[in-house]
Protein backbone atom coordinates (compact mmCIF):
# COMPACT_ATOMS: atom_id res chain seq x y z
CA UNK A 1 92.20 102.06 141.80
CA UNK A 2 92.17 105.13 139.54
CA UNK A 3 90.26 105.26 136.32
CA UNK A 4 92.50 105.51 133.25
CA UNK A 5 92.75 109.00 131.86
CA UNK A 6 93.33 110.03 128.28
CA UNK A 7 92.42 108.35 125.07
CA UNK A 8 91.57 104.62 125.24
CA UNK A 9 93.97 102.20 123.59
CA UNK A 10 93.19 101.13 120.03
CA UNK A 11 94.27 97.52 120.60
CA UNK A 12 92.96 95.16 123.24
CA UNK A 13 95.34 93.52 125.70
CA UNK A 14 95.01 90.25 123.73
CA UNK A 15 95.89 92.03 120.47
CA UNK A 16 98.92 93.66 122.11
CA UNK A 17 100.09 90.22 123.29
CA UNK A 18 99.66 88.92 119.74
CA UNK A 19 101.87 91.71 118.39
CA UNK A 20 104.56 90.70 120.90
CA UNK A 21 104.32 87.06 119.74
CA UNK A 22 104.66 88.11 116.09
CA UNK A 23 107.72 90.29 116.71
CA UNK A 24 109.61 88.40 119.43
CA UNK A 25 112.09 86.01 117.86
CA UNK A 26 110.54 86.08 114.40
CA UNK A 27 111.54 87.61 111.10
CA UNK A 28 109.32 90.07 109.15
CA UNK A 29 109.94 87.97 106.02
CA UNK A 30 107.81 85.25 107.62
CA UNK A 31 104.87 87.64 107.23
CA UNK A 32 105.61 88.59 103.62
CA UNK A 33 107.73 91.70 104.14
CA UNK A 34 110.87 92.27 102.06
CA UNK A 35 113.03 93.64 104.88
CA UNK A 36 114.57 91.28 107.45
CA UNK A 37 114.57 93.62 110.47
CA UNK A 38 111.57 94.82 112.46
CA UNK A 39 110.84 98.52 112.13
CA UNK A 40 107.98 100.51 113.59
CA UNK A 41 106.67 100.92 110.04
CA UNK A 42 106.60 97.15 109.45
CA UNK A 43 104.89 96.52 112.81
CA UNK A 44 102.41 99.27 111.94
CA UNK A 45 101.60 97.64 108.58
CA UNK A 46 101.22 94.21 110.19
CA UNK A 47 98.79 95.60 112.79
CA UNK A 48 96.81 97.27 109.99
CA UNK A 49 96.70 94.03 107.95
CA UNK A 50 95.73 91.76 110.84
CA UNK A 51 93.49 94.00 112.96
CA UNK A 52 92.44 96.79 110.53
CA UNK A 53 93.68 99.36 113.07
CA UNK A 54 95.82 102.30 111.96
CA UNK A 55 98.36 103.49 114.51
CA UNK A 56 100.89 106.31 114.26
CA UNK A 57 104.59 105.42 114.29
CA UNK A 58 104.82 107.04 117.74
CA UNK A 59 101.98 104.83 119.02
CA UNK A 60 103.70 101.73 117.65
CA UNK A 61 106.90 102.80 119.43
CA UNK A 62 105.03 103.22 122.72
CA UNK A 63 103.32 99.84 122.25
CA UNK A 64 106.63 98.06 121.62
CA UNK A 65 108.31 99.86 124.52
CA UNK A 66 105.47 98.91 126.87
CA UNK A 67 106.09 95.27 125.96
CA UNK A 68 109.81 95.54 126.64
CA UNK A 69 110.82 95.53 122.98
CA UNK A 70 113.47 98.17 122.40
CA UNK A 71 115.21 99.30 119.22
CA UNK A 72 118.28 97.23 118.46
CA UNK A 73 121.14 97.87 116.08
CA UNK A 74 122.06 94.94 113.84
CA UNK A 75 125.31 93.21 114.68
CA UNK A 76 128.24 94.49 112.66
CA UNK A 77 130.28 91.55 111.46
CA UNK A 78 133.66 91.80 109.82
CA UNK A 79 134.13 89.46 106.89
CA UNK A 80 137.83 90.30 106.45
CA UNK A 81 139.78 88.15 108.92
CA UNK A 82 138.24 85.09 110.49
């Protein structure tokens, strides 16, 4: 097994799992945010609040991608004819 190269991760594996639990199937409003969709900025602020760790937006994107969470567009619903 090769030793990891590069900079060590700022969050532990357990903390990364916790971020996945917060985001997966939940709404940011449940954590006191005004916006109802997850953004990298909101995830970044939540990590800072809970773990006192500051990550760049790019690092948050990599973290979410590593956990299989990809950017999603909100569903566009037509209210005209139903």
